[in-house]
Amino acid sequence: MGKRQVKNESEIKELRMPESNEEIFGRVIKMMGGENVLVKCQDNITRRGRIRGKLKRRVWIRDNDVVIIAPWDFGNEERGDILWRYTIPQVQWLKDNKHIPLDF
């Protein structure tokens, strides 16, 4: 069974919002190799995010992408799991509806 190919990012219609108080928005600062990325979160803390296996195989994450990150229970100031990546049109929609700041 092959990967699902998306020819255009605007084809993806579903939009996921942070569900609980533990999930927050973040912007990818730097790819650190493997499954690790450096993420600047909305609460002004820089965390090392781990791309989950399900997401790692389906979605490519690059610098300056907006993501949802869930900080870990025991190391919430340092690490977290990346749960979702937003496309460019979805980020614009989030900014227009004031879910994230315009300079984020």
PDB file of N, CA and C in Angstrom:
ATOM      1  N   MET A   1       0.846  -1.172   0.000  1.00  0.00           N
ATOM      2  CA  MET A   1       0.000   0.000   0.000  1.00  0.00           C
ATOM      3  C   MET A   1       0.894   1.237   0.000  1.00  0.00           C
ATOM      4  N   GLY A   2       0.668   2.127  -0.941  1.00  0.00           N
ATOM      5  CA  GLY A   2       1.519   3.295  -1.103  1.00  0.00           C
ATOM      6  C   GLY A   2       1.041   4.498  -0.307  1.00  0.00           C
ATOM      7  N   LYS A   3       1.833   5.562  -0.387  1.00  0.00           N
ATOM      8  CA  LYS A   3       1.475   6.801   0.296  1.00  0.00           C
ATOM      9  C   LYS A   3       0.342   7.500  -0.435  1.00  0.00           C
ATOM     10  N   ARG A   4      -0.436   8.244   0.300  1.00  0.00           N
ATOM     11  CA  ARG A   4      -1.454   9.080  -0.303  1.00  0.00           C
ATOM     12  C   ARG A   4      -0.771  10.338  -0.810  1.00  0.00           C
ATOM     13  N   GLN A   5      -0.883  10.612  -2.084  1.00  0.00           N
ATOM     14  CA  GLN A   5      -0.208  11.765  -2.650  1.00  0.00           C
ATOM     15  C   GLN A   5      -1.137  12.960  -2.678  1.00  0.00           C
ATOM     16  N   VAL A   6      -0.611  14.106  -2.261  1.00  0.00           N
ATOM     17  CA  VAL A   6      -1.347  15.357  -2.312  1.00  0.00           C
ATOM     18  C   VAL A   6      -0.607  16.257  -3.282  1.00  0.00           C
ATOM     19  N   LYS A   7      -1.232  16.556  -4.404  1.00  0.00           N
ATOM     20  CA  LYS A   7      -0.578  17.362  -5.430  1.00  0.00           C
ATOM     21  C   LYS A   7      -0.543  18.835  -5.068  1.00  0.00           C
ATOM     22  N   ASN A   8      -1.557  19.312  -4.333  1.00  0.00           N
ATOM     23  CA  ASN A   8      -1.655  20.720  -3.995  1.00  0.00           C
ATOM     24  C   ASN A   8      -2.054  20.825  -2.532  1.00  0.00           C
ATOM     25  N   GLU A   9      -1.393  21.722  -1.778  1.00  0.00           N
ATOM     26  CA  GLU A   9      -1.690  21.816  -0.346  1.00  0.00           C
ATOM     27  C   GLU A   9      -3.103  22.322  -0.075  1.00  0.00           C
ATOM     28  N   SER A  10      -3.695  23.056  -1.007  1.00  0.00           N
ATOM     29  CA  SER A  10      -5.047  23.567  -0.778  1.00  0.00           C
ATOM     30  C   SER A  10      -6.103  22.464  -0.899  1.00  0.00           C
ATOM     31  N   GLU A  11      -5.705  21.274  -1.359  1.00  0.00           N
ATOM     32  CA  GLU A  11      -6.658  20.164  -1.454  1.00  0.00           C
ATOM     33  C   GLU A  11      -7.041  19.619  -0.085  1.00  0.00           C
ATOM     34  N   ILE A  12      -6.191  19.800   0.915  1.00  0.00           N
ATOM     35  CA  ILE A  12      -6.473  19.275   2.247  1.00  0.00           C
ATOM     36  C   ILE A  12      -7.489  20.191   2.913  1.00  0.00           C
ATOM     37  N   LYS A  13      -8.651  19.680   3.221  1.00  0.00           N
ATOM     38  CA  LYS A  13      -9.745  20.497   3.720  1.00  0.00           C
ATOM     39  C   LYS A  13      -9.873  20.487   5.239  1.00  0.00           C
ATOM     40  N   GLU A  14      -9.485  19.406   5.886  1.00  0.00           N
ATOM     41  CA  GLU A  14      -9.711  19.309   7.319  1.00  0.00           C
ATOM     42  C   GLU A  14      -8.765  20.237   8.078  1.00  0.00           C
ATOM     43  N   LEU A  15      -9.249  20.775   9.179  1.00  0.00           N
ATOM     44  CA  LEU A  15      -8.475  21.715   9.988  1.00  0.00           C
ATOM     45  C   LEU A  15      -8.629  21.319  11.442  1.00  0.00           C
ATOM     46  N   ARG A  16      -7.532  21.036  12.092  1.00  0.00           N
ATOM     47  CA  ARG A  16      -7.552  20.572  13.486  1.00  0.00           C
ATOM     48  C   ARG A  16      -7.113  21.701  14.394  1.00  0.00           C
ATOM     49  N   MET A  17      -7.828  21.887  15.485  1.00  0.00           N
ATOM     50  CA  MET A  17      -7.484  22.897  16.480  1.00  0.00           C
ATOM     51  C   MET A  17      -6.954  22.181  17.727  1.00  0.00           C
ATOM     52  N   PRO A  18      -6.147  22.880  18.554  1.00  0.00           N
ATOM     53  CA  PRO A  18      -5.702  22.254  19.813  1.00  0.00           C
ATOM     54  C   PRO A  18      -6.906  21.887  20.669  1.00  0.00           C
ATOM     55  N   GLU A  19      -6.981  20.616  21.078  1.00  0.00           N
ATOM     56  CA  GLU A  19      -8.176  20.118  21.747  1.00  0.00           C
ATOM     57  C   GLU A  19      -8.200  20.404  23.244  1.00  0.00           C
ATOM     58  N   SER A  20      -7.075  20.273  23.896  1.00  0.00           N
ATOM     59  CA  SER A  20      -7.066  20.437  25.345  1.00  0.00           C
ATOM     60  C   SER A  20      -6.127  21.572  25.718  1.00  0.00           C
ATOM     61  N   ASN A  21      -6.018  21.848  27.011  1.00  0.00           N
ATOM     62  CA  ASN A  21      -5.114  22.894  27.478  1.00  0.00           C
ATOM     63  C   ASN A  21      -3.662  22.491  27.313  1.00  0.00           C
ATOM     64  N   GLU A  22      -3.401  21.213  27.103  1.00  0.00           N
ATOM     65  CA  GLU A  22      -2.035  20.732  26.974  1.00  0.00           C
ATOM     66  C   GLU A  22      -1.482  20.919  25.570  1.00  0.00           C
ATOM     67  N   GLU A  23      -2.324  21.048  24.558  1.00  0.00           N
ATOM     68  CA  GLU A  23      -1.871  21.214  23.188  1.00  0.00           C
ATOM     69  C   GLU A  23      -1.788  22.705  22.851  1.00  0.00           C
ATOM     70  N   ILE A  24      -0.679  23.117  22.212  1.00  0.00           N
ATOM     71  CA  ILE A  24      -0.490  24.525  21.872  1.00  0.00           C
ATOM     72  C   ILE A  24       0.082  24.641  20.460  1.00  0.00           C
ATOM     73  N   PHE A  25      -0.038  25.852  19.898  1.00  0.00           N
ATOM     74  CA  PHE A  25       0.540  26.134  18.594  1.00  0.00           C
ATOM     75  C   PHE A  25       2.034  26.365  18.734  1.00  0.00           C
ATOM     76  N   GLY A  26       2.777  26.047  17.690  1.00  0.00           N
ATOM     77  CA  GLY A  26       4.211  26.296  17.663  1.00  0.00           C
ATOM     78  C   GLY A  26       4.687  26.490  16.244  1.00  0.00           C
ATOM     79  N   ARG A  27       5.859  27.112  16.086  1.00  0.00           N
ATOM     80  CA  ARG A  27       6.471  27.297  14.772  1.00  0.00           C
ATOM     81  C   ARG A  27       7.825  26.601  14.758  1.00  0.00           C
ATOM     82  N   VAL A  28       8.063  25.811  13.723  1.00  0.00           N
ATOM     83  CA  VAL A  28       9.314  25.061  13.603  1.00  0.00           C
ATOM     84  C   VAL A  28      10.444  26.043  13.310  1.00  0.00           C
ATOM     85  N   ILE A  29      11.472  26.017  14.144  1.00  0.00           N
ATOM     86  CA  ILE A  29      12.627  26.892  13.971  1.00  0.00           C
ATOM     87  C   ILE A  29      13.717  26.183  13.171  1.00  0.00           C
ATOM     88  N   LYS A  30      13.991  24.929  13.545  1.00  0.00           N
ATOM     89  CA  LYS A  30      15.137  24.242  12.956  1.00  0.00           C
ATOM     90  C   LYS A  30      14.899  22.741  12.948  1.00  0.00           C
ATOM     91  N   MET A  31      15.282  22.100  11.865  1.00  0.00           N
ATOM     92  CA  MET A  31      15.260  20.647  11.793  1.00  0.00           C
ATOM     93  C   MET A  31      16.568  20.147  12.405  1.00  0.00           C
ATOM     94  N   MET A  32      16.464  19.247  13.389  1.00  0.00           N
ATOM     95  CA  MET A  32      17.656  18.780  14.099  1.00  0.00           C
ATOM     96  C   MET A  32      18.109  17.403  13.639  1.00  0.00           C
ATOM     97  N   GLY A  33      17.412  16.807  12.713  1.00  0.00           N
ATOM     98  CA  GLY A  33      17.798  15.500  12.207  1.00  0.00           C
ATOM     99  C   GLY A  33      16.951  14.395  12.796  1.00  0.00           C
ATOM    100  N   GLY A  34      16.744  13.374  11.997  1.00  0.00           N
ATOM    101  CA  GLY A  34      15.917  12.266  12.454  1.00  0.00           C
ATOM    102  C   GLY A  34      14.479  12.704  12.632  1.00  0.00           C
ATOM    103  N   GLU A  35      13.950  12.467  13.800  1.00  0.00           N
ATOM    104  CA  GLU A  35      12.568  12.840  14.089  1.00  0.00           C
ATOM    105  C   GLU A  35      12.484  14.049  15.015  1.00  0.00           C
ATOM    106  N   ASN A  36      13.588  14.756  15.233  1.00  0.00           N
ATOM    107  CA  ASN A  36      13.628  15.871  16.177  1.00  0.00           C
ATOM    108  C   ASN A  36      13.650  17.211  15.463  1.00  0.00           C
ATOM    109  N   VAL A  37      12.854  18.152  15.972  1.00  0.00           N
ATOM    110  CA  VAL A  37      12.819  19.520  15.465  1.00  0.00           C
ATOM    111  C   VAL A  37      12.815  20.475  16.644  1.00  0.00           C
ATOM    112  N   LEU A  38      13.272  21.698  16.415  1.00  0.00           N
ATOM    113  CA  LEU A  38      13.241  22.740  17.434  1.00  0.00           C
ATOM    114  C   LEU A  38      12.025  23.601  17.155  1.00  0.00           C
ATOM    115  N   VAL A  39      11.139  23.762  18.158  1.00  0.00           N
ATOM    116  CA  VAL A  39       9.864  24.446  17.980  1.00  0.00           C
ATOM    117  C   VAL A  39       9.757  25.600  18.968  1.00  0.00           C
ATOM    118  N   LYS A  40       9.410  26.799  18.474  1.00  0.00           N
ATOM    119  CA  LYS A  40       9.116  27.953  19.324  1.00  0.00           C
ATOM    120  C   LYS A  40       7.614  27.951  19.558  1.00  0.00           C
ATOM    121  N   CYS A  41       7.214  27.697  20.795  1.00  0.00           N
ATOM    122  CA  CYS A  41       5.801  27.535  21.120  1.00  0.00           C
ATOM    123  C   CYS A  41       5.135  28.878  21.387  1.00  0.00           C
ATOM    124  N   GLN A  42       3.806  28.857  21.426  1.00  0.00           N
ATOM    125  CA  GLN A  42       3.026  30.069  21.620  1.00  0.00           C
ATOM    126  C   GLN A  42       3.207  30.651  23.022  1.00  0.00           C
ATOM    127  N   ASP A  43       3.639  29.837  23.985  1.00  0.00           N
ATOM    128  CA  ASP A  43       3.892  30.320  25.340  1.00  0.00           C
ATOM    129  C   ASP A  43       5.341  30.786  25.522  1.00  0.00           C
ATOM    130  N   ASN A  44       6.037  31.099  24.408  1.00  0.00           N
ATOM    131  CA  ASN A  44       7.403  31.631  24.381  1.00  0.00           C
ATOM    132  C   ASN A  44       8.444  30.695  24.986  1.00  0.00           C
ATOM    133  N   ILE A  45       8.222  29.406  24.911  1.00  0.00           N
ATOM    134  CA  ILE A  45       9.204  28.414  25.339  1.00  0.00           C
ATOM    135  C   ILE A  45       9.656  27.659  24.093  1.00  0.00           C
ATOM    136  N   THR A  46      10.965  27.471  23.949  1.00  0.00           N
ATOM    137  CA  THR A  46      11.505  26.705  22.834  1.00  0.00           C
ATOM    138  C   THR A  46      11.668  25.261  23.283  1.00  0.00           C
ATOM    139  N   ARG A  47      10.974  24.361  22.597  1.00  0.00           N
ATOM    140  CA  ARG A  47      10.997  22.950  22.950  1.00  0.00           C
ATOM    141  C   ARG A  47      11.578  22.124  21.810  1.00  0.00           C
ATOM    142  N   ARG A  48      12.118  20.964  22.156  1.00  0.00           N
ATOM    143  CA  ARG A  48      12.540  19.994  21.160  1.00  0.00           C
ATOM    144  C   ARG A  48      11.349  19.083  20.904  1.00  0.00           C
ATOM    145  N   GLY A  49      10.828  19.140  19.703  1.00  0.00           N
ATOM    146  CA  GLY A  49       9.658  18.348  19.350  1.00  0.00           C
ATOM    147  C   GLY A  49      10.049  17.061  18.658  1.00  0.00           C
ATOM    148  N   ARG A  50       9.280  16.039  18.924  1.00  0.00           N
ATOM    149  CA  ARG A  50       9.494  14.732  18.291  1.00  0.00           C
ATOM    150  C   ARG A  50       8.332  14.483  17.349  1.00  0.00           C
ATOM    151  N   ILE A  51       8.641  14.185  16.093  1.00  0.00           N
ATOM    152  CA  ILE A  51       7.602  13.891  15.118  1.00  0.00           C
ATOM    153  C   ILE A  51       7.132  12.461  15.344  1.00  0.00           C
ATOM    154  N   ARG A  52       5.859  12.305  15.624  1.00  0.00           N
ATOM    155  CA  ARG A  52       5.301  10.973  15.859  1.00  0.00           C
ATOM    156  C   ARG A  52       5.426  10.110  14.616  1.00  0.00           C
ATOM    157  N   GLY A  53       5.458   8.797  14.808  1.00  0.00           N
ATOM    158  CA  GLY A  53       5.630   7.869  13.702  1.00  0.00           C
ATOM    159  C   GLY A  53       4.543   7.971  12.651  1.00  0.00           C
ATOM    160  N   LYS A  54       3.307   8.127  13.079  1.00  0.00           N
ATOM    161  CA  LYS A  54       2.184   8.237  12.149  1.00  0.00           C
ATOM    162  C   LYS A  54       2.334   9.480  11.275  1.00  0.00           C
ATOM    163  N   LEU A  55       2.761  10.577  11.881  1.00  0.00           N
ATOM    164  CA  LEU A  55       2.919  11.828  11.151  1.00  0.00           C
ATOM    165  C   LEU A  55       4.194  11.827  10.316  1.00  0.00           C
ATOM    166  N   LYS A  56       5.221  11.167  10.811  1.00  0.00           N
ATOM    167  CA  LYS A  56       6.522  11.141  10.139  1.00  0.00           C
ATOM    168  C   LYS A  56       6.424  10.481   8.769  1.00  0.00           C
ATOM    169  N   ARG A  57       5.594   9.478   8.648  1.00  0.00           N
ATOM    170  CA  ARG A  57       5.485   8.746   7.395  1.00  0.00           C
ATOM    171  C   ARG A  57       4.558   9.425   6.387  1.00  0.00           C
ATOM    172  N   ARG A  58       3.703  10.326   6.837  1.00  0.00           N
ATOM    173  CA  ARG A  58       2.692  10.900   5.952  1.00  0.00           C
ATOM    174  C   ARG A  58       2.918  12.366   5.596  1.00  0.00           C
ATOM    175  N   VAL A  59       3.521  13.133   6.485  1.00  0.00           N
ATOM    176  CA  VAL A  59       3.601  14.578   6.304  1.00  0.00           C
ATOM    177  C   VAL A  59       5.058  15.024   6.410  1.00  0.00           C
ATOM    178  N   TRP A  60       5.486  15.851   5.459  1.00  0.00           N
ATOM    179  CA  TRP A  60       6.819  16.435   5.521  1.00  0.00           C
ATOM    180  C   TRP A  60       6.753  17.721   6.318  1.00  0.00           C
ATOM    181  N   ILE A  61       7.626  17.862   7.298  1.00  0.00           N
ATOM    182  CA  ILE A  61       7.675  19.075   8.119  1.00  0.00           C
ATOM    183  C   ILE A  61       8.962  19.816   7.772  1.00  0.00           C
ATOM    184  N   ARG A  62       8.825  21.130   7.530  1.00  0.00           N
ATOM    185  CA  ARG A  62       9.947  21.971   7.136  1.00  0.00           C
ATOM    186  C   ARG A  62      10.065  23.144   8.101  1.00  0.00           C
ATOM    187  N   ASP A  63      11.130  23.939   7.932  1.00  0.00           N
ATOM    188  CA  ASP A  63      11.314  25.144   8.734  1.00  0.00           C
ATOM    189  C   ASP A  63      10.151  26.112   8.491  1.00  0.00           C
ATOM    190  N   ASN A  64       9.767  26.841   9.539  1.00  0.00           N
ATOM    191  CA  ASN A  64       8.710  27.861   9.535  1.00  0.00           C
ATOM    192  C   ASN A  64       7.304  27.293   9.371  1.00  0.00           C
ATOM    193  N   ASP A  65       7.121  25.988   9.491  1.00  0.00           N
ATOM    194  CA  ASP A  65       5.770  25.426   9.487  1.00  0.00           C
ATOM    195  C   ASP A  65       5.118  25.654  10.843  1.00  0.00           C
ATOM    196  N   VAL A  66       3.806  25.888  10.836  1.00  0.00           N
ATOM    197  CA  VAL A  66       3.041  26.006  12.076  1.00  0.00           C
ATOM    198  C   VAL A  66       2.515  24.619  12.417  1.00  0.00           C
ATOM    199  N   VAL A  67       2.713  24.206  13.674  1.00  0.00           N
ATOM    200  CA  VAL A  67       2.357  22.862  14.110  1.00  0.00           C
ATOM    201  C   VAL A  67       1.598  22.941  15.438  1.00  0.00           C
ATOM    202  N   ILE A  68       0.956  21.835  15.797  1.00  0.00           N
ATOM    203  CA  ILE A  68       0.410  21.660  17.145  1.00  0.00           C
ATOM    204  C   ILE A  68       1.378  20.771  17.889  1.00  0.00           C
ATOM    205  N   ILE A  69       1.792  21.201  19.076  1.00  0.00           N
ATOM    206  CA  ILE A  69       2.723  20.425  19.890  1.00  0.00           C
ATOM    207  C   ILE A  69       2.081  20.148  21.241  1.00  0.00           C
ATOM    208  N   ALA A  70       2.279  18.932  21.732  1.00  0.00           N
ATOM    209  CA  ALA A  70       1.777  18.529  23.050  1.00  0.00           C
ATOM    210  C   ALA A  70       2.967  18.298  23.961  1.00  0.00           C
ATOM    211  N   PRO A  71       3.225  19.205  24.922  1.00  0.00           N
ATOM    212  CA  PRO A  71       4.369  19.008  25.831  1.00  0.00           C
ATOM    213  C   PRO A  71       4.217  17.728  26.632  1.00  0.00           C
ATOM    214  N   TRP A  72       5.355  17.092  26.895  1.00  0.00           N
ATOM    215  CA  TRP A  72       5.349  15.854  27.669  1.00  0.00           C
ATOM    216  C   TRP A  72       4.981  16.142  29.111  1.00  0.00           C
ATOM    217  N   ASP A  73       4.447  15.135  29.799  1.00  0.00           N
ATOM    218  CA  ASP A  73       4.038  15.286  31.193  1.00  0.00           C
ATOM    219  C   ASP A  73       5.224  15.517  32.121  1.00  0.00           C
ATOM    220  N   PHE A  74       6.332  14.833  31.890  1.00  0.00           N
ATOM    221  CA  PHE A  74       7.455  14.892  32.826  1.00  0.00           C
ATOM    222  C   PHE A  74       8.542  15.872  32.399  1.00  0.00           C
ATOM    223  N   GLY A  75       8.579  16.295  31.139  1.00  0.00           N
ATOM    224  CA  GLY A  75       9.583  17.253  30.697  1.00  0.00           C
ATOM    225  C   GLY A  75       8.947  18.351  29.873  1.00  0.00           C
ATOM    226  N   ASN A  76       7.857  18.923  30.379  1.00  0.00           N
ATOM    227  CA  ASN A  76       7.042  19.819  29.566  1.00  0.00           C
ATOM    228  C   ASN A  76       7.735  21.125  29.209  1.00  0.00           C
ATOM    229  N   GLU A  77       8.800  21.510  29.913  1.00  0.00           N
ATOM    230  CA  GLU A  77       9.517  22.735  29.572  1.00  0.00           C
ATOM    231  C   GLU A  77      10.556  22.491  28.482  1.00  0.00           C
ATOM    232  N   GLU A  78      10.860  21.226  28.196  1.00  0.00           N
ATOM    233  CA  GLU A  78      11.947  20.919  27.271  1.00  0.00           C
ATOM    234  C   GLU A  78      11.505  20.187  26.016  1.00  0.00           C
ATOM    235  N   ARG A  79      10.548  19.267  26.119  1.00  0.00           N
ATOM    236  CA  ARG A  79      10.222  18.375  25.014  1.00  0.00           C
ATOM    237  C   ARG A  79       8.725  18.260  24.794  1.00  0.00           C
ATOM    238  N   GLY A  80       8.363  17.774  23.608  1.00  0.00           N
ATOM    239  CA  GLY A  80       6.962  17.564  23.292  1.00  0.00           C
ATOM    240  C   GLY A  80       6.803  16.757  22.013  1.00  0.00           C
ATOM    241  N   ASP A  81       5.570  16.332  21.746  1.00  0.00           N
ATOM    242  CA  ASP A  81       5.243  15.584  20.533  1.00  0.00           C
ATOM    243  C   ASP A  81       4.532  16.500  19.551  1.00  0.00           C
ATOM    244  N   ILE A  82       4.911  16.404  18.284  1.00  0.00           N
ATOM    245  CA  ILE A  82       4.226  17.165  17.245  1.00  0.00           C
ATOM    246  C   ILE A  82       3.054  16.332  16.764  1.00  0.00           C
ATOM    247  N   LEU A  83       1.857  16.929  16.805  1.00  0.00           N
ATOM    248  CA  LEU A  83       0.637  16.202  16.486  1.00  0.00           C
ATOM    249  C   LEU A  83       0.060  16.551  15.128  1.00  0.00           C
ATOM    250  N   TRP A  84       0.309  17.771  14.619  1.00  0.00           N
ATOM    251  CA  TRP A  84      -0.350  18.228  13.401  1.00  0.00           C
ATOM    252  C   TRP A  84       0.481  19.312  12.749  1.00  0.00           C
ATOM    253  N   ARG A  85       0.484  19.350  11.415  1.00  0.00           N
ATOM    254  CA  ARG A  85       1.126  20.430  10.659  1.00  0.00           C
ATOM    255  C   ARG A  85       0.080  21.134   9.821  1.00  0.00           C
ATOM    256  N   TYR A  86       0.121  22.460   9.826  1.00  0.00           N
ATOM    257  CA  TYR A  86      -0.817  23.264   9.052  1.00  0.00           C
ATOM    258  C   TYR A  86      -0.199  23.643   7.714  1.00  0.00           C
ATOM    259  N   THR A  87      -1.030  23.687   6.676  1.00  0.00           N
ATOM    260  CA  THR A  87      -0.589  24.139   5.364  1.00  0.00           C
ATOM    261  C   THR A  87      -0.648  25.663   5.310  1.00  0.00           C
ATOM    262  N   ILE A  88      -0.112  26.249   4.237  1.00  0.00           N
ATOM    263  CA  ILE A  88      -0.054  27.709   4.111  1.00  0.00           C
ATOM    264  C   ILE A  88      -1.448  28.341   4.105  1.00  0.00           C
ATOM    265  N   PRO A  89      -2.433  27.825   3.330  1.00  0.00           N
ATOM    266  CA  PRO A  89      -3.773  28.418   3.388  1.00  0.00           C
ATOM    267  C   PRO A  89      -4.430  28.267   4.775  1.00  0.00           C
ATOM    268  N   GLN A  90      -4.145  27.167   5.465  1.00  0.00           N
ATOM    269  CA  GLN A  90      -4.710  26.977   6.796  1.00  0.00           C
ATOM    270  C   GLN A  90      -4.112  27.965   7.789  1.00  0.00           C
ATOM    271  N   VAL A  91      -2.811  28.265   7.679  1.00  0.00           N
ATOM    272  CA  VAL A  91      -2.176  29.249   8.563  1.00  0.00           C
ATOM    273  C   VAL A  91      -2.784  30.619   8.327  1.00  0.00           C
ATOM    274  N   GLN A  92      -3.027  30.960   7.059  1.00  0.00           N
ATOM    275  CA  GLN A  92      -3.643  32.252   6.753  1.00  0.00           C
ATOM    276  C   GLN A  92      -5.049  32.330   7.348  1.00  0.00           C
ATOM    277  N   TRP A  93      -5.802  31.237   7.287  1.00  0.00           N
ATOM    278  CA  TRP A  93      -7.140  31.211   7.871  1.00  0.00           C
ATOM    279  C   TRP A  93      -7.062  31.391   9.395  1.00  0.00           C
ATOM    280  N   LEU A  94      -6.089  30.739  10.045  1.00  0.00           N
ATOM    281  CA  LEU A  94      -5.918  30.888  11.495  1.00  0.00           C
ATOM    282  C   LEU A  94      -5.582  32.322  11.871  1.00  0.00           C
ATOM    283  N   LYS A  95      -4.754  32.989  11.070  1.00  0.00           N
ATOM    284  CA  LYS A  95      -4.414  34.388  11.340  1.00  0.00           C
ATOM    285  C   LYS A  95      -5.608  35.305  11.109  1.00  0.00           C
ATOM    286  N   ASP A  96      -6.368  35.059  10.046  1.00  0.00           N
ATOM    287  CA  ASP A  96      -7.542  35.887   9.742  1.00  0.00           C
ATOM    288  C   ASP A  96      -8.606  35.780  10.828  1.00  0.00           C
ATOM    289  N   ASN A  97      -8.762  34.602  11.410  1.00  0.00           N
ATOM    290  CA  ASN A  97      -9.764  34.391  12.462  1.00  0.00           C
ATOM    291  C   ASN A  97      -9.209  34.544  13.857  1.00  0.00           C
ATOM    292  N   LYS A  98      -7.983  35.076  13.975  1.00  0.00           N
ATOM    293  CA  LYS A  98      -7.353  35.439  15.243  1.00  0.00           C
ATOM    294  C   LYS A  98      -7.158  34.270  16.206  1.00  0.00           C
ATOM    295  N   HIS A  99      -6.874  33.091  15.658  1.00  0.00           N
ATOM    296  CA  HIS A  99      -6.499  31.949  16.504  1.00  0.00           C
ATOM    297  C   HIS A  99      -5.026  32.017  16.871  1.00  0.00           C
ATOM    298  N   ILE A 100      -4.221  32.569  15.963  1.00  0.00           N
ATOM    299  CA  ILE A 100      -2.809  32.806  16.232  1.00  0.00           C
ATOM    300  C   ILE A 100      -2.508  34.259  15.886  1.00  0.00           C
ATOM    301  N   PRO A 101      -1.497  34.894  16.511  1.00  0.00           N
ATOM    302  CA  PRO A 101      -1.169  36.282  16.207  1.00  0.00           C
ATOM    303  C   PRO A 101      -0.642  36.434  14.778  1.00  0.00           C
ATOM    304  N   LEU A 102      -0.753  37.642  14.229  1.00  0.00           N
ATOM    305  CA  LEU A 102      -0.320  37.894  12.857  1.00  0.00           C
ATOM    306  C   LEU A 102       1.182  37.756  12.673  1.00  0.00           C
ATOM    307  N   ASP A 103       1.960  38.026  13.721  1.00  0.00           N
ATOM    308  CA  ASP A 103       3.423  37.943  13.611  1.00  0.00           C
ATOM    309  C   ASP A 103       3.961  36.581  14.034  1.00  0.00           C
ATOM    310  N   PHE A 104       3.105  35.607  14.203  1.00  0.00           N
ATOM    311  CA  PHE A 104       3.520  34.274  14.659  1.00  0.00           C
ATOM    312  C   PHE A 104       4.105  33.493  13.513  1.00  0.00           C
TER     313      PHE A 104
END
